[in-house]
Amino acid sequence: MYQVGLNDYFMEQTSHSELRIRVLLSSYSALLGRIHPDIRLITIDWGLEYYAIMAYFNRPVSDDDLELLKGITTEIAADIPQFKSFKEYAEYSLKPVEELKPLKDMIYLRYGELHM
């Protein structure tokens, strides 16, 4: 009978850490040339087979904005083929960033958004 050992635990943690690095680097790369002044915050969530992106805008969301997010997830799909499911969310909100409900990881925050 096989018993899970410490090495298995570290291997699992390392592969999760490596995937997180790949996801973050791919996300940052996909944002290049796509950020415009109306975007306030972009956050992501991901698992072994899914990727979600949420963008907050300082004006009503347009079809072009949704297309921009779709372009980002298309690049992510090309970089990380293990992701099978993608979701794009966009919301218009003028609430302080501290009151928004971000996903797991913040990948973009517009300058001046934090009110400390």
N, C-alpha and C. Protein backbone atom coordinates (compact mmCIF):
# COMPACT_ATOMS: atom_id res chain seq x y z
N MET A 1 0.84 -1.18 0.00
CA MET A 1 0.00 0.00 0.00
C MET A 1 0.89 1.24 0.00
N TYR A 2 0.54 2.22 -0.84
CA TYR A 2 1.31 3.43 -0.95
C TYR A 2 0.78 4.47 0.04
N GLN A 3 1.68 5.09 0.75
CA GLN A 3 1.30 6.12 1.70
C GLN A 3 1.87 7.46 1.24
N VAL A 4 1.01 8.48 1.26
CA VAL A 4 1.45 9.81 0.85
C VAL A 4 2.52 10.29 1.81
N GLY A 5 3.65 10.69 1.25
CA GLY A 5 4.76 11.14 2.08
C GLY A 5 5.00 12.62 1.93
N LEU A 6 5.99 13.08 2.61
CA LEU A 6 6.34 14.50 2.59
C LEU A 6 6.77 14.95 1.20
N ASN A 7 7.49 14.08 0.48
CA ASN A 7 7.92 14.44 -0.88
C ASN A 7 6.72 14.68 -1.80
N ASP A 8 5.66 13.87 -1.66
CA ASP A 8 4.47 14.06 -2.47
C ASP A 8 3.82 15.42 -2.17
N TYR A 9 3.80 15.76 -0.91
CA TYR A 9 3.22 17.05 -0.50
C TYR A 9 4.00 18.20 -1.14
N PHE A 10 5.32 18.13 -1.07
CA PHE A 10 6.14 19.20 -1.65
C PHE A 10 6.02 19.25 -3.17
N MET A 11 5.89 18.10 -3.82
CA MET A 11 5.72 18.07 -5.27
C MET A 11 4.40 18.74 -5.65
N GLU A 12 3.34 18.45 -4.89
CA GLU A 12 2.04 19.06 -5.17
C GLU A 12 2.11 20.57 -4.98
N GLN A 13 2.76 21.02 -3.91
CA GLN A 13 2.88 22.45 -3.65
C GLN A 13 3.72 23.13 -4.72
N THR A 14 4.80 22.49 -5.14
CA THR A 14 5.65 23.07 -6.17
C THR A 14 4.90 23.20 -7.47
N SER A 15 4.14 22.18 -7.88
CA SER A 15 3.43 22.27 -9.14
C SER A 15 2.36 23.37 -9.07
N HIS A 16 1.70 23.54 -7.93
CA HIS A 16 0.74 24.63 -7.77
C HIS A 16 1.45 25.98 -7.85
N SER A 17 2.61 26.09 -7.20
CA SER A 17 3.38 27.34 -7.24
C SER A 17 3.85 27.65 -8.65
N GLU A 18 4.30 26.63 -9.36
CA GLU A 18 4.75 26.84 -10.74
C GLU A 18 3.59 27.26 -11.63
N LEU A 19 2.42 26.65 -11.44
CA LEU A 19 1.25 27.03 -12.23
C LEU A 19 0.87 28.48 -11.92
N ARG A 20 0.91 28.86 -10.65
CA ARG A 20 0.58 30.23 -10.27
C ARG A 20 1.52 31.23 -10.96
N ILE A 21 2.79 30.91 -11.00
CA ILE A 21 3.76 31.78 -11.68
C ILE A 21 3.42 31.89 -13.16
N ARG A 22 3.12 30.75 -13.80
CA ARG A 22 2.76 30.75 -15.22
C ARG A 22 1.50 31.58 -15.47
N VAL A 23 0.51 31.43 -14.58
CA VAL A 23 -0.74 32.17 -14.74
C VAL A 23 -0.51 33.67 -14.60
N LEU A 24 0.23 34.06 -13.59
CA LEU A 24 0.48 35.49 -13.38
C LEU A 24 1.30 36.10 -14.52
N LEU A 25 2.36 35.42 -14.93
CA LEU A 25 3.18 35.95 -16.03
C LEU A 25 2.38 36.03 -17.33
N SER A 26 1.58 35.02 -17.60
CA SER A 26 0.76 35.03 -18.80
C SER A 26 -0.27 36.15 -18.74
N SER A 27 -0.85 36.36 -17.57
CA SER A 27 -1.85 37.42 -17.39
C SER A 27 -1.23 38.79 -17.61
N TYR A 28 -0.07 39.02 -17.00
CA TYR A 28 0.61 40.31 -17.17
C TYR A 28 0.95 40.54 -18.64
N SER A 29 1.43 39.51 -19.30
CA SER A 29 1.78 39.63 -20.71
C SER A 29 0.55 39.93 -21.56
N ALA A 30 -0.56 39.29 -21.25
CA ALA A 30 -1.80 39.50 -22.02
C ALA A 30 -2.35 40.91 -21.84
N LEU A 31 -1.98 41.57 -20.75
CA LEU A 31 -2.46 42.95 -20.52
C LEU A 31 -1.70 43.99 -21.33
N LEU A 32 -0.51 43.63 -21.81
CA LEU A 32 0.32 44.61 -22.53
C LEU A 32 -0.43 45.20 -23.72
N GLY A 33 -0.53 46.51 -23.73
CA GLY A 33 -1.20 47.20 -24.81
C GLY A 33 -2.71 47.23 -24.71
N ARG A 34 -3.26 46.68 -23.65
CA ARG A 34 -4.72 46.60 -23.52
C ARG A 34 -5.29 47.48 -22.41
N ILE A 35 -4.44 48.03 -21.59
CA ILE A 35 -4.93 48.86 -20.48
C ILE A 35 -5.23 50.26 -20.99
N HIS A 36 -6.42 50.75 -20.68
CA HIS A 36 -6.76 52.14 -21.02
C HIS A 36 -7.25 52.84 -19.76
N PRO A 37 -7.32 54.16 -19.79
CA PRO A 37 -7.60 54.94 -18.56
C PRO A 37 -8.93 54.63 -17.87
N ASP A 38 -9.89 54.04 -18.58
CA ASP A 38 -11.19 53.75 -17.97
C ASP A 38 -11.19 52.48 -17.13
N ILE A 39 -10.12 51.70 -17.20
CA ILE A 39 -10.02 50.48 -16.39
C ILE A 39 -9.45 50.84 -15.03
N ARG A 40 -10.17 50.48 -13.98
CA ARG A 40 -9.75 50.80 -12.62
C ARG A 40 -9.01 49.65 -11.95
N LEU A 41 -9.50 48.44 -12.16
CA LEU A 41 -8.98 47.27 -11.45
C LEU A 41 -9.22 46.04 -12.29
N ILE A 42 -8.24 45.14 -12.31
CA ILE A 42 -8.42 43.84 -12.96
C ILE A 42 -7.95 42.77 -11.97
N THR A 43 -8.80 41.79 -11.76
CA THR A 43 -8.46 40.66 -10.89
C THR A 43 -8.73 39.36 -11.62
N ILE A 44 -8.09 38.30 -11.16
CA ILE A 44 -8.28 36.99 -11.79
C ILE A 44 -8.50 35.92 -10.72
N ASP A 45 -9.08 34.84 -11.15
CA ASP A 45 -9.20 33.64 -10.34
C ASP A 45 -8.89 32.49 -11.29
N TRP A 46 -8.38 31.42 -10.76
CA TRP A 46 -8.02 30.28 -11.61
C TRP A 46 -7.93 29.02 -10.75
N GLY A 47 -8.05 27.91 -11.42
CA GLY A 47 -7.90 26.59 -10.80
C GLY A 47 -7.15 25.70 -11.76
N LEU A 48 -7.25 24.42 -11.59
CA LEU A 48 -6.51 23.51 -12.47
C LEU A 48 -6.97 23.59 -13.92
N GLU A 49 -8.28 23.85 -14.14
CA GLU A 49 -8.79 23.85 -15.50
C GLU A 49 -9.62 25.09 -15.85
N TYR A 50 -9.67 26.10 -14.99
CA TYR A 50 -10.46 27.28 -15.32
C TYR A 50 -9.68 28.56 -15.05
N TYR A 51 -10.13 29.61 -15.73
CA TYR A 51 -9.54 30.94 -15.58
C TYR A 51 -10.67 31.95 -15.68
N ALA A 52 -10.71 32.87 -14.73
CA ALA A 52 -11.72 33.93 -14.74
C ALA A 52 -11.02 35.27 -14.58
N ILE A 53 -11.54 36.27 -15.27
CA ILE A 53 -11.00 37.62 -15.18
C ILE A 53 -12.15 38.59 -14.92
N MET A 54 -11.90 39.55 -14.04
CA MET A 54 -12.91 40.55 -13.67
C MET A 54 -12.28 41.92 -13.82
N ALA A 55 -12.94 42.80 -14.56
CA ALA A 55 -12.45 44.16 -14.73
C ALA A 55 -13.50 45.15 -14.25
N TYR A 56 -13.05 46.15 -13.53
CA TYR A 56 -13.92 47.24 -13.08
C TYR A 56 -13.59 48.49 -13.89
N PHE A 57 -14.64 49.13 -14.39
CA PHE A 57 -14.49 50.31 -15.23
C PHE A 57 -15.09 51.53 -14.54
N ASN A 58 -14.63 52.72 -14.93
CA ASN A 58 -15.18 53.94 -14.36
C ASN A 58 -16.28 54.54 -15.24
N ARG A 59 -16.81 53.75 -16.14
CA ARG A 59 -17.92 54.13 -17.03
C ARG A 59 -18.68 52.85 -17.40
N PRO A 60 -19.86 53.00 -17.98
CA PRO A 60 -20.60 51.80 -18.39
C PRO A 60 -19.76 50.92 -19.34
N VAL A 61 -19.90 49.63 -19.16
CA VAL A 61 -19.13 48.65 -19.94
C VAL A 61 -19.69 48.55 -21.35
N SER A 62 -18.80 48.54 -22.32
CA SER A 62 -19.20 48.44 -23.73
C SER A 62 -18.86 47.05 -24.28
N ASP A 63 -19.37 46.80 -25.49
CA ASP A 63 -19.03 45.55 -26.18
C ASP A 63 -17.52 45.48 -26.45
N ASP A 64 -16.90 46.61 -26.73
CA ASP A 64 -15.45 46.64 -26.95
C ASP A 64 -14.69 46.21 -25.69
N ASP A 65 -15.20 46.60 -24.53
CA ASP A 65 -14.56 46.20 -23.27
C ASP A 65 -14.63 44.69 -23.09
N LEU A 66 -15.79 44.12 -23.40
CA LEU A 66 -15.94 42.67 -23.28
C LEU A 66 -15.04 41.95 -24.28
N GLU A 67 -14.90 42.53 -25.46
CA GLU A 67 -14.01 41.96 -26.48
C GLU A 67 -12.55 42.04 -26.02
N LEU A 68 -12.19 43.11 -25.35
CA LEU A 68 -10.84 43.26 -24.79
C LEU A 68 -10.56 42.13 -23.79
N LEU A 69 -11.51 41.85 -22.91
CA LEU A 69 -11.33 40.76 -21.93
C LEU A 69 -11.26 39.41 -22.62
N LYS A 70 -12.06 39.23 -23.66
CA LYS A 70 -12.03 37.98 -24.43
C LYS A 70 -10.65 37.79 -25.08
N GLY A 71 -10.05 38.87 -25.55
CA GLY A 71 -8.70 38.80 -26.13
C GLY A 71 -7.67 38.38 -25.09
N ILE A 72 -7.84 38.86 -23.87
CA ILE A 72 -6.93 38.46 -22.79
C ILE A 72 -7.05 36.97 -22.52
N THR A 73 -8.28 36.47 -22.40
CA THR A 73 -8.44 35.03 -22.11
C THR A 73 -8.00 34.17 -23.29
N THR A 74 -8.11 34.69 -24.49
CA THR A 74 -7.61 33.94 -25.65
C THR A 74 -6.10 33.75 -25.56
N GLU A 75 -5.39 34.79 -25.16
CA GLU A 75 -3.95 34.67 -24.98
C GLU A 75 -3.60 33.71 -23.84
N ILE A 76 -4.36 33.76 -22.77
CA ILE A 76 -4.14 32.84 -21.65
C ILE A 76 -4.34 31.40 -22.12
N ALA A 77 -5.39 31.17 -22.90
CA ALA A 77 -5.68 29.83 -23.42
C ALA A 77 -4.52 29.31 -24.27
N ALA A 78 -3.90 30.19 -25.04
CA ALA A 78 -2.77 29.77 -25.87
C ALA A 78 -1.54 29.45 -25.02
N ASP A 79 -1.36 30.20 -23.94
CA ASP A 79 -0.20 29.99 -23.06
C ASP A 79 -0.37 28.78 -22.14
N ILE A 80 -1.59 28.54 -21.68
CA ILE A 80 -1.83 27.50 -20.68
C ILE A 80 -2.98 26.62 -21.16
N PRO A 81 -2.68 25.64 -22.03
CA PRO A 81 -3.72 24.84 -22.65
C PRO A 81 -4.50 23.94 -21.67
N GLN A 82 -4.03 23.77 -20.45
CA GLN A 82 -4.76 22.93 -19.51
C GLN A 82 -6.06 23.61 -19.05
N PHE A 83 -6.16 24.94 -19.23
CA PHE A 83 -7.41 25.62 -18.87
C PHE A 83 -8.46 25.29 -19.93
N LYS A 84 -9.60 24.79 -19.48
CA LYS A 84 -10.67 24.38 -20.38
C LYS A 84 -11.87 25.33 -20.33
N SER A 85 -11.98 26.08 -19.25
CA SER A 85 -13.13 26.95 -19.05
C SER A 85 -12.66 28.37 -18.75
N PHE A 86 -13.30 29.33 -19.40
CA PHE A 86 -12.93 30.74 -19.23
C PHE A 86 -14.18 31.58 -18.99
N LYS A 87 -14.04 32.54 -18.09
CA LYS A 87 -15.14 33.48 -17.81
C LYS A 87 -14.57 34.89 -17.80
N GLU A 88 -15.30 35.80 -18.41
CA GLU A 88 -14.92 37.20 -18.40
C GLU A 88 -16.05 38.00 -17.75
N TYR A 89 -15.70 38.81 -16.78
CA TYR A 89 -16.67 39.65 -16.09
C TYR A 89 -16.22 41.10 -16.18
N ALA A 90 -17.17 41.99 -16.38
CA ALA A 90 -16.86 43.42 -16.41
C ALA A 90 -17.98 44.15 -15.68
N GLU A 91 -17.58 45.15 -14.92
CA GLU A 91 -18.57 45.89 -14.13
C GLU A 91 -18.21 47.37 -14.09
N TYR A 92 -19.24 48.19 -14.16
CA TYR A 92 -19.10 49.62 -13.99
C TYR A 92 -19.30 49.92 -12.51
N SER A 93 -18.32 50.56 -11.88
CA SER A 93 -18.44 50.90 -10.47
C SER A 93 -17.55 52.09 -10.14
N LEU A 94 -18.13 53.01 -9.38
CA LEU A 94 -17.36 54.15 -8.88
C LEU A 94 -17.10 54.01 -7.39
N LYS A 95 -17.44 52.85 -6.82
CA LYS A 95 -17.17 52.61 -5.41
C LYS A 95 -15.66 52.63 -5.17
N PRO A 96 -15.24 52.98 -3.97
CA PRO A 96 -13.81 52.86 -3.66
C PRO A 96 -13.35 51.40 -3.86
N VAL A 97 -12.13 51.25 -4.31
CA VAL A 97 -11.59 49.91 -4.58
C VAL A 97 -11.72 49.00 -3.37
N GLU A 98 -11.58 49.57 -2.19
CA GLU A 98 -11.66 48.78 -0.96
C GLU A 98 -13.04 48.16 -0.77
N GLU A 99 -14.06 48.67 -1.43
CA GLU A 99 -15.42 48.14 -1.31
C GLU A 99 -15.79 47.17 -2.43
N LEU A 100 -14.93 47.02 -3.42
CA LEU A 100 -15.20 46.10 -4.52
C LEU A 100 -14.90 44.67 -4.08
N LYS A 101 -15.42 43.72 -4.84
CA LYS A 101 -15.21 42.31 -4.52
C LYS A 101 -14.28 41.68 -5.56
N PRO A 102 -12.97 41.79 -5.33
CA PRO A 102 -12.03 41.24 -6.31
C PRO A 102 -12.00 39.72 -6.29
N LEU A 103 -11.49 39.16 -7.38
CA LEU A 103 -11.25 37.73 -7.41
C LEU A 103 -9.95 37.44 -6.66
N LYS A 104 -9.38 36.27 -6.86
CA LYS A 104 -8.24 35.81 -6.06
C LYS A 104 -6.99 36.69 -6.15
N ASP A 105 -6.56 37.02 -7.35
CA ASP A 105 -5.31 37.77 -7.53
C ASP A 105 -5.56 39.07 -8.28
N MET A 106 -5.02 40.17 -7.76
CA MET A 106 -5.10 41.46 -8.43
C MET A 106 -3.92 41.54 -9.41
N ILE A 107 -4.23 41.86 -10.68
CA ILE A 107 -3.15 41.95 -11.66
C ILE A 107 -2.99 43.36 -12.22
N TYR A 108 -3.96 44.24 -11.94
CA TYR A 108 -3.81 45.63 -12.35
C TYR A 108 -4.63 46.51 -11.42
N LEU A 109 -4.04 47.61 -11.00
CA LEU A 109 -4.73 48.62 -10.20
C LEU A 109 -4.29 49.98 -10.72
N ARG A 110 -5.25 50.77 -11.15
CA ARG A 110 -4.94 52.10 -11.69
C ARG A 110 -4.35 53.00 -10.59
N TYR A 111 -3.40 53.80 -10.97
CA TYR A 111 -2.75 54.73 -10.07
C TYR A 111 -3.80 55.64 -9.42
N GLY A 112 -3.68 55.82 -8.11
CA GLY A 112 -4.57 56.71 -7.39
C GLY A 112 -5.84 56.07 -6.87
N GLU A 113 -6.01 54.77 -7.11
CA GLU A 113 -7.25 54.09 -6.70
C GLU A 113 -7.30 53.78 -5.20
N LEU A 114 -6.15 53.60 -4.59
CA LEU A 114 -6.16 53.28 -3.16
C LEU A 114 -6.30 54.56 -2.34
N HIS A 115 -7.19 54.53 -1.40
CA HIS A 115 -7.44 55.70 -0.55
C HIS A 115 -6.96 55.38 0.86
N MET A 116 -5.72 55.69 1.12
CA MET A 116 -5.15 55.35 2.42
C MET A 116 -5.15 56.54 3.35
